[in-house]
Amino acid sequence: MKKIIAIEGMHCPHCSSNVEKALKGIEGVTSAVVDLAAKTATVEAEASVADDALIATIDDLGFEVKSIA
């Protein structure tokens, strides 16, 4: 299942790298690619991965999820 997450608060490559690494660490996530310029993360995950888990992981890093599509 592919999800595109809009994220606010990322300002540098270090920020986007931390988000990408954290998302890849979630069980069931098979890939995560963060686009700093677009302020999005594209995540491929099993259907069992809840949006709440993605949001909590990003929130824990100090960033804000605007939407998940």
Protein backbone atom coordinates (compact mmCIF):
# COMPACT_ATOMS: atom_id res chain seq x y z
CA MET A 1 0.00 0.00 0.00
CA LYS A 2 1.44 3.37 -1.03
CA LYS A 3 0.89 6.45 1.13
CA ILE A 4 1.99 10.00 0.57
CA ILE A 5 2.44 11.98 3.77
CA ALA A 6 2.58 15.80 3.78
CA ILE A 7 4.96 16.93 6.53
CA GLU A 8 5.61 20.41 7.93
CA GLY A 9 8.73 21.48 9.78
CA MET A 10 11.51 19.83 7.78
CA HIS A 11 14.12 22.45 6.86
CA CYS A 12 17.30 20.58 5.95
CA PRO A 13 18.61 17.26 4.61
CA HIS A 14 19.30 16.12 8.18
CA CYS A 15 15.60 16.55 9.02
CA SER A 16 14.44 14.58 6.01
CA SER A 17 17.04 11.87 6.65
CA ASN A 18 15.81 11.43 10.22
CA VAL A 19 12.19 11.13 9.07
CA GLU A 20 13.11 8.62 6.37
CA LYS A 21 15.14 6.49 8.78
CA ALA A 22 12.37 6.53 11.41
CA LEU A 23 9.67 5.56 8.91
CA LYS A 24 11.81 2.68 7.59
CA GLY A 25 12.08 1.47 11.20
CA ILE A 26 8.34 0.86 11.50
CA GLU A 27 7.46 -2.82 11.24
CA GLY A 28 5.64 -3.44 7.97
CA VAL A 29 7.14 -0.47 6.11
CA THR A 30 9.01 -1.76 3.06
CA SER A 31 10.30 1.60 1.79
CA ALA A 32 10.20 5.28 2.64
CA VAL A 33 11.48 8.18 0.54
CA VAL A 34 11.36 11.75 1.79
CA ASP A 35 11.28 14.68 -0.65
CA LEU A 36 12.46 17.72 1.29
CA ALA A 37 11.51 20.23 -1.43
CA ALA A 38 7.96 18.87 -1.71
CA LYS A 39 7.70 18.34 2.06
CA THR A 40 6.40 14.81 1.55
CA ALA A 41 7.26 11.25 2.41
CA THR A 42 6.25 8.41 0.10
CA VAL A 43 5.83 5.20 2.06
CA GLU A 44 5.27 1.67 0.80
CA ALA A 45 3.85 -0.47 3.58
CA GLU A 46 1.79 -3.52 4.35
CA ALA A 47 -1.92 -2.87 4.85
CA SER A 48 -1.49 -3.61 8.56
CA VAL A 49 0.51 -0.38 9.08
CA ALA A 50 -1.89 2.14 10.60
CA ASP A 51 -1.78 5.83 9.75
CA ASP A 52 -1.59 6.49 13.50
CA ALA A 53 1.78 4.69 13.66
CA LEU A 54 3.16 6.84 10.84
CA ILE A 55 1.84 10.03 12.43
CA ALA A 56 3.19 9.14 15.89
CA THR A 57 6.64 8.39 14.48
CA ILE A 58 6.81 11.73 12.68
CA ASP A 59 5.36 13.62 15.66
CA ASP A 60 8.00 12.08 17.94
CA LEU A 61 10.66 13.69 15.75
CA GLY A 62 9.07 17.12 16.19
CA PHE A 63 7.42 17.44 12.79
CA GLU A 64 3.74 17.83 11.91
CA VAL A 65 1.76 15.58 9.59
CA LYS A 66 -0.59 17.70 7.47
CA SER A 67 -2.23 14.86 5.54
CA ILE A 68 -1.92 11.26 4.41
CA ALA A 69 -3.18 10.23 1.00
